[in-house]
């Protein structure tokens, strides 16, 4: 994250309210680029975020791959639904036991122009089932896609990235209702494609 400051990148982080530290959290965010992750790690560090990541990130990226494999995050094979579900359930049990947080991007992949993609809720429902005391925290990320609009080189210059953390939503047996509320909160504050 710090290296993007040399490109004139600015960050604004806002939270609707202080997040609780006495319960697990499921951090649900839209996904615009790989540059979403470092700010979430930094700004949410008190919540000890663990990520649901594609297995390809588990090797070949110095420091990042090691941390994903050994830091409590889970690596899923997006082509193997059963393996993905088992790993996500394992993460749900982990955050429930240790009062940590799980970060999940329900779009499944990055939006390359800022326009939100359809949310896939299977992984979220698995986390909710395995961590019944968790609250879901909607997070809206804007403009990080602009850093990569030309590919990895040249990086975008002078990008203003905003991260808005909305009020937590308690877990419930009415999962579809909760997830609709979370998705609406996230999408209500996404404006980077305009």
C-alpha atoms as a PDB file:
ATOM      1  CA  UNK A   1       0.000   0.000   0.000  1.00  0.00           C
ATOM      2  CA  UNK A   2       2.763   2.442   0.969  1.00  0.00           C
ATOM      3  CA  UNK A   3       4.490   2.143  -2.400  1.00  0.00           C
ATOM      4  CA  UNK A   4       1.376   3.441  -4.180  1.00  0.00           C
ATOM      5  CA  UNK A   5       1.756   6.730  -2.297  1.00  0.00           C
ATOM      6  CA  UNK A   6       4.685   7.547  -4.612  1.00  0.00           C
ATOM      7  CA  UNK A   7       2.176   7.545  -7.467  1.00  0.00           C
ATOM      8  CA  UNK A   8       0.021  10.142  -5.743  1.00  0.00           C
ATOM      9  CA  UNK A   9      -2.493   7.553  -4.548  1.00  0.00           C
ATOM     10  CA  UNK A  10      -4.608   8.798  -1.667  1.00  0.00           C
ATOM     11  CA  UNK A  11      -6.683   6.693   0.696  1.00  0.00           C
ATOM     12  CA  UNK A  12      -9.751   7.597   2.716  1.00  0.00           C
ATOM     13  CA  UNK A  13     -11.036   5.123   5.271  1.00  0.00           C
ATOM     14  CA  UNK A  14     -14.376   5.757   6.973  1.00  0.00           C
ATOM     15  CA  UNK A  15     -16.281   3.596   9.369  1.00  0.00           C
ATOM     16  CA  UNK A  16     -19.894   4.064  10.428  1.00  0.00           C
ATOM     17  CA  UNK A  17     -19.152   2.855  13.937  1.00  0.00           C
ATOM     18  CA  UNK A  18     -16.454   1.146  15.946  1.00  0.00           C
ATOM     19  CA  UNK A  19     -16.385  -2.560  15.240  1.00  0.00           C
ATOM     20  CA  UNK A  20     -16.795  -4.951  18.172  1.00  0.00           C
ATOM     21  CA  UNK A  21     -13.769  -6.906  19.363  1.00  0.00           C
ATOM     22  CA  UNK A  22     -15.704  -9.476  21.398  1.00  0.00           C
ATOM     23  CA  UNK A  23     -17.109 -11.449  18.474  1.00  0.00           C
ATOM     24  CA  UNK A  24     -16.077 -12.812  15.071  1.00  0.00           C
ATOM     25  CA  UNK A  25     -16.696 -10.675  12.011  1.00  0.00           C
ATOM     26  CA  UNK A  26     -17.325 -11.526   8.374  1.00  0.00           C
ATOM     27  CA  UNK A  27     -15.942  -8.646   6.324  1.00  0.00           C
ATOM     28  CA  UNK A  28     -17.814  -8.567   3.013  1.00  0.00           C
ATOM     29  CA  UNK A  29     -16.389  -6.288   0.320  1.00  0.00           C
ATOM     30  CA  UNK A  30     -16.701  -5.613  -3.378  1.00  0.00           C
ATOM     31  CA  UNK A  31     -13.525  -6.457  -5.298  1.00  0.00           C
ATOM     32  CA  UNK A  32     -11.897  -4.111  -7.816  1.00  0.00           C
ATOM     33  CA  UNK A  33      -8.222  -5.069  -7.866  1.00  0.00           C
ATOM     34  CA  UNK A  34      -5.382  -6.701  -5.976  1.00  0.00           C
ATOM     35  CA  UNK A  35      -4.927  -3.256  -4.434  1.00  0.00           C
ATOM     36  CA  UNK A  36      -8.039  -3.813  -2.294  1.00  0.00           C
ATOM     37  CA  UNK A  37      -6.186  -6.212  -0.033  1.00  0.00           C
ATOM     38  CA  UNK A  38      -3.286  -4.210   1.510  1.00  0.00           C
ATOM     39  CA  UNK A  39      -5.554  -1.364   2.724  1.00  0.00           C
ATOM     40  CA  UNK A  40      -7.973  -3.879   4.231  1.00  0.00           C
ATOM     41  CA  UNK A  41      -5.111  -5.611   6.039  1.00  0.00           C
ATOM     42  CA  UNK A  42      -3.805  -2.273   7.326  1.00  0.00           C
ATOM     43  CA  UNK A  43      -7.033  -0.548   8.321  1.00  0.00           C
ATOM     44  CA  UNK A  44      -8.662  -3.718   9.707  1.00  0.00           C
ATOM     45  CA  UNK A  45      -5.559  -5.004  11.505  1.00  0.00           C
ATOM     46  CA  UNK A  46      -7.261  -4.944  14.919  1.00  0.00           C
ATOM     47  CA  UNK A  47      -9.765  -7.458  13.592  1.00  0.00           C
ATOM     48  CA  UNK A  48      -6.996  -9.900  12.498  1.00  0.00           C
ATOM     49  CA  UNK A  49      -8.413 -10.457   8.986  1.00  0.00           C
ATOM     50  CA  UNK A  50      -8.077 -13.859   7.321  1.00  0.00           C
ATOM     51  CA  UNK A  51      -8.840 -14.162   3.626  1.00  0.00           C
ATOM     52  CA  UNK A  52     -10.727 -16.497   1.350  1.00  0.00           C
ATOM     53  CA  UNK A  53      -8.279 -16.607  -1.587  1.00  0.00           C
ATOM     54  CA  UNK A  54      -7.949 -18.530  -4.810  1.00  0.00           C
ATOM     55  CA  UNK A  55      -5.369 -21.295  -4.592  1.00  0.00           C
ATOM     56  CA  UNK A  56      -3.205 -19.732  -7.309  1.00  0.00           C
ATOM     57  CA  UNK A  57      -2.160 -17.033  -4.817  1.00  0.00           C
ATOM     58  CA  UNK A  58      -0.719 -19.669  -2.493  1.00  0.00           C
ATOM     59  CA  UNK A  59       2.547 -19.848  -4.414  1.00  0.00           C
ATOM     60  CA  UNK A  60       4.890 -17.598  -6.306  1.00  0.00           C
ATOM     61  CA  UNK A  61       4.268 -14.277  -4.525  1.00  0.00           C
ATOM     62  CA  UNK A  62       6.989 -13.570  -1.953  1.00  0.00           C
ATOM     63  CA  UNK A  63       5.614 -13.009   1.549  1.00  0.00           C
ATOM     64  CA  UNK A  64       1.971 -12.965   0.387  1.00  0.00           C
ATOM     65  CA  UNK A  65       1.830 -16.653  -0.574  1.00  0.00           C
ATOM     66  CA  UNK A  66       3.530 -17.709   2.650  1.00  0.00           C
ATOM     67  CA  UNK A  67       1.146 -15.622   4.739  1.00  0.00           C
ATOM     68  CA  UNK A  68      -1.899 -17.027   2.949  1.00  0.00           C
ATOM     69  CA  UNK A  69      -0.697 -20.596   3.510  1.00  0.00           C
ATOM     70  CA  UNK A  70       0.373 -20.188   7.138  1.00  0.00           C
ATOM     71  CA  UNK A  71      -1.519 -17.198   8.542  1.00  0.00           C
ATOM     72  CA  UNK A  72      -4.991 -18.650   8.970  1.00  0.00           C
ATOM     73  CA  UNK A  73      -6.415 -17.763   5.542  1.00  0.00           C
ATOM     74  CA  UNK A  74      -7.845 -20.435   3.237  1.00  0.00           C
ATOM     75  CA  UNK A  75      -7.000 -21.222  -0.365  1.00  0.00           C
ATOM     76  CA  UNK A  76      -9.855 -22.437  -2.510  1.00  0.00           C
ATOM     77  CA  UNK A  77      -9.974 -24.150  -5.869  1.00  0.00           C
ATOM     78  CA  UNK A  78     -12.715 -22.314  -7.702  1.00  0.00           C
ATOM     79  CA  UNK A  79     -13.175 -25.321  -9.993  1.00  0.00           C
ATOM     80  CA  UNK A  80     -13.765 -27.680  -7.050  1.00  0.00           C
ATOM     81  CA  UNK A  81     -16.911 -26.637  -5.222  1.00  0.00           C
ATOM     82  CA  UNK A  82     -16.606 -29.272  -2.489  1.00  0.00           C
ATOM     83  CA  UNK A  83     -13.009 -28.349  -1.650  1.00  0.00           C
ATOM     84  CA  UNK A  84     -13.924 -24.653  -1.602  1.00  0.00           C
ATOM     85  CA  UNK A  85     -16.836 -25.255   0.737  1.00  0.00           C
ATOM     86  CA  UNK A  86     -14.730 -27.368   3.130  1.00  0.00           C
ATOM     87  CA  UNK A  87     -12.058 -24.667   3.336  1.00  0.00           C
ATOM     88  CA  UNK A  88     -14.572 -21.880   3.890  1.00  0.00           C
ATOM     89  CA  UNK A  89     -16.311 -23.913   6.610  1.00  0.00           C
ATOM     90  CA  UNK A  90     -12.925 -24.452   8.260  1.00  0.00           C
ATOM     91  CA  UNK A  91     -12.361 -20.678   8.234  1.00  0.00           C
ATOM     92  CA  UNK A  92     -15.822 -20.114   9.731  1.00  0.00           C
ATOM     93  CA  UNK A  93     -15.025 -22.447  12.629  1.00  0.00           C
ATOM     94  CA  UNK A  94     -11.652 -20.734  13.120  1.00  0.00           C
ATOM     95  CA  UNK A  95     -13.087 -17.214  13.384  1.00  0.00           C
ATOM     96  CA  UNK A  96     -15.859 -18.442  15.667  1.00  0.00           C
ATOM     97  CA  UNK A  97     -13.367 -20.050  18.044  1.00  0.00           C
ATOM     98  CA  UNK A  98     -10.752 -17.269  18.092  1.00  0.00           C
ATOM     99  CA  UNK A  99     -12.982 -14.174  17.557  1.00  0.00           C
ATOM    100  CA  UNK A 100     -11.151 -13.213  14.376  1.00  0.00           C
ATOM    101  CA  UNK A 101     -12.462 -11.888  11.085  1.00  0.00           C
ATOM    102  CA  UNK A 102     -12.837 -13.436   7.654  1.00  0.00           C
ATOM    103  CA  UNK A 103     -12.625 -11.346   4.484  1.00  0.00           C
ATOM    104  CA  UNK A 104     -14.632 -12.538   1.516  1.00  0.00           C
ATOM    105  CA  UNK A 105     -15.243 -10.976  -1.884  1.00  0.00           C
ATOM    106  CA  UNK A 106     -18.598 -12.468  -2.960  1.00  0.00           C
ATOM    107  CA  UNK A 107     -18.250 -11.281  -6.550  1.00  0.00           C
ATOM    108  CA  UNK A 108     -15.753 -14.122  -6.915  1.00  0.00           C
ATOM    109  CA  UNK A 109     -13.412 -12.115  -9.111  1.00  0.00           C
ATOM    110  CA  UNK A 110     -12.333  -8.516  -9.626  1.00  0.00           C
ATOM    111  CA  UNK A 111     -14.422  -5.920 -11.379  1.00  0.00           C
ATOM    112  CA  UNK A 112     -12.040  -4.356 -13.880  1.00  0.00           C
ATOM    113  CA  UNK A 113     -14.113  -1.196 -14.366  1.00  0.00           C
ATOM    114  CA  UNK A 114     -15.608  -0.643 -10.902  1.00  0.00           C
ATOM    115  CA  UNK A 115     -19.073  -1.885 -11.860  1.00  0.00           C
ATOM    116  CA  UNK A 116     -20.154  -4.403  -9.201  1.00  0.00           C
ATOM    117  CA  UNK A 117     -20.604  -7.979 -10.360  1.00  0.00           C
ATOM    118  CA  UNK A 118     -23.318 -10.377  -9.201  1.00  0.00           C
ATOM    119  CA  UNK A 119     -22.758 -11.592  -5.658  1.00  0.00           C
ATOM    120  CA  UNK A 120     -22.341 -15.343  -5.156  1.00  0.00           C
ATOM    121  CA  UNK A 121     -23.562 -16.177  -1.678  1.00  0.00           C
ATOM    122  CA  UNK A 122     -22.604 -19.843  -1.173  1.00  0.00           C
ATOM    123  CA  UNK A 123     -19.335 -19.038   0.603  1.00  0.00           C
ATOM    124  CA  UNK A 124     -20.983 -16.379   2.732  1.00  0.00           C
ATOM    125  CA  UNK A 125     -23.710 -18.766   3.829  1.00  0.00           C
ATOM    126  CA  UNK A 126     -21.073 -21.341   4.791  1.00  0.00           C
ATOM    127  CA  UNK A 127     -19.235 -18.763   6.922  1.00  0.00           C
ATOM    128  CA  UNK A 128     -22.504 -17.687   8.536  1.00  0.00           C
ATOM    129  CA  UNK A 129     -23.425 -21.283   9.396  1.00  0.00           C
ATOM    130  CA  UNK A 130     -20.037 -22.115  10.916  1.00  0.00           C
ATOM    131  CA  UNK A 131     -19.753 -18.824  12.792  1.00  0.00           C
ATOM    132  CA  UNK A 132     -23.249 -18.114  14.150  1.00  0.00           C
ATOM    133  CA  UNK A 133     -22.111 -15.366  16.531  1.00  0.00           C
ATOM    134  CA  UNK A 134     -20.395 -13.406  13.733  1.00  0.00           C
ATOM    135  CA  UNK A 135     -21.637 -10.077  12.499  1.00  0.00           C
ATOM    136  CA  UNK A 136     -21.388  -9.260   8.815  1.00  0.00           C
ATOM    137  CA  UNK A 137     -19.611  -6.011   7.985  1.00  0.00           C
ATOM    138  CA  UNK A 138     -20.365  -4.532   4.532  1.00  0.00           C
ATOM    139  CA  UNK A 139     -17.398  -2.685   2.984  1.00  0.00           C
ATOM    140  CA  UNK A 140     -17.510  -0.534  -0.169  1.00  0.00           C
ATOM    141  CA  UNK A 141     -14.243  -0.013  -2.050  1.00  0.00           C
ATOM    142  CA  UNK A 142     -14.015   2.652  -4.747  1.00  0.00           C
ATOM    143  CA  UNK A 143     -11.437   3.405  -7.427  1.00  0.00           C
ATOM    144  CA  UNK A 144      -8.813   0.739  -6.739  1.00  0.00           C
ATOM    145  CA  UNK A 145      -9.490  -0.606 -10.247  1.00  0.00           C
ATOM    146  CA  UNK A 146      -8.045   2.635 -11.640  1.00  0.00           C
ATOM    147  CA  UNK A 147      -4.560   1.665 -10.481  1.00  0.00           C
ATOM    148  CA  UNK A 148      -4.642  -1.255 -12.941  1.00  0.00           C
ATOM    149  CA  UNK A 149      -6.743   0.172 -15.748  1.00  0.00           C
ATOM    150  CA  UNK A 150      -3.742  -0.056 -18.129  1.00  0.00           C
ATOM    151  CA  UNK A 151      -2.551  -3.413 -16.786  1.00  0.00           C
ATOM    152  CA  UNK A 152       0.309  -3.725 -14.335  1.00  0.00           C
ATOM    153  CA  UNK A 153       2.346  -1.129 -16.187  1.00  0.00           C
ATOM    154  CA  UNK A 154       1.959   1.770 -16.105  1.00  0.00           C
ATOM    155  CA  UNK A 155       0.142   1.961 -12.794  1.00  0.00           C
ATOM    156  CA  UNK A 156      -2.542   4.639 -12.529  1.00  0.00           C
ATOM    157  CA  UNK A 157      -1.382   7.950 -11.102  1.00  0.00           C
ATOM    158  CA  UNK A 158      -3.238  10.157  -8.616  1.00  0.00           C
ATOM    159  CA  UNK A 159      -5.940   7.653  -7.723  1.00  0.00           C
ATOM    160  CA  UNK A 160      -8.218   8.430  -4.782  1.00  0.00           C
ATOM    161  CA  UNK A 161      -9.267   5.149  -3.167  1.00  0.00           C
ATOM    162  CA  UNK A 162     -12.081   5.162  -0.655  1.00  0.00           C
ATOM    163  CA  UNK A 163     -13.023   2.418   1.775  1.00  0.00           C
ATOM    164  CA  UNK A 164     -16.368   2.788   3.528  1.00  0.00           C
ATOM    165  CA  UNK A 165     -17.143   0.374   6.365  1.00  0.00           C
ATOM    166  CA  UNK A 166     -20.869   0.231   7.005  1.00  0.00           C
ATOM    167  CA  UNK A 167     -22.680  -0.713  10.199  1.00  0.00           C
ATOM    168  CA  UNK A 168     -22.453  -4.420  11.049  1.00  0.00           C
ATOM    169  CA  UNK A 169     -25.435  -6.667  10.401  1.00  0.00           C
ATOM    170  CA  UNK A 170     -26.064  -9.447  12.953  1.00  0.00           C
ATOM    171  CA  UNK A 171     -26.016 -13.012  11.681  1.00  0.00           C
ATOM    172  CA  UNK A 172     -29.412 -14.647  11.440  1.00  0.00           C
ATOM    173  CA  UNK A 173     -31.104 -17.829  10.322  1.00  0.00           C
ATOM    174  CA  UNK A 174     -32.746 -15.668   7.651  1.00  0.00           C
ATOM    175  CA  UNK A 175     -29.555 -15.718   5.588  1.00  0.00           C
ATOM    176  CA  UNK A 176     -31.044 -14.437   2.330  1.00  0.00           C
ATOM    177  CA  UNK A 177     -32.518 -11.400   4.069  1.00  0.00           C
ATOM    178  CA  UNK A 178     -29.219 -10.607   5.816  1.00  0.00           C
ATOM    179  CA  UNK A 179     -27.215 -11.026   2.611  1.00  0.00           C
ATOM    180  CA  UNK A 180     -29.600  -8.815   0.634  1.00  0.00           C
ATOM    181  CA  UNK A 181     -29.109  -6.097   3.275  1.00  0.00           C
ATOM    182  CA  UNK A 182     -25.321  -6.488   3.150  1.00  0.00           C
ATOM    183  CA  UNK A 183     -25.208  -6.394  -0.657  1.00  0.00           C
ATOM    184  CA  UNK A 184     -27.453  -3.320  -0.773  1.00  0.00           C
ATOM    185  CA  UNK A 185     -25.224  -1.504   1.737  1.00  0.00           C
ATOM    186  CA  UNK A 186     -22.079  -2.284  -0.254  1.00  0.00           C
ATOM    187  CA  UNK A 187     -23.531  -1.274  -3.611  1.00  0.00           C
ATOM    188  CA  UNK A 188     -25.123   1.890  -2.217  1.00  0.00           C
ATOM    189  CA  UNK A 189     -21.677   3.454  -1.754  1.00  0.00           C
ATOM    190  CA  UNK A 190     -19.949   2.275  -4.942  1.00  0.00           C
ATOM    191  CA  UNK A 191     -19.525   5.173  -7.317  1.00  0.00           C
ATOM    192  CA  UNK A 192     -16.125   4.656  -8.913  1.00  0.00           C
ATOM    193  CA  UNK A 193     -17.507   3.669 -12.305  1.00  0.00           C
ATOM    194  CA  UNK A 194     -19.278   6.996 -12.844  1.00  0.00           C
END
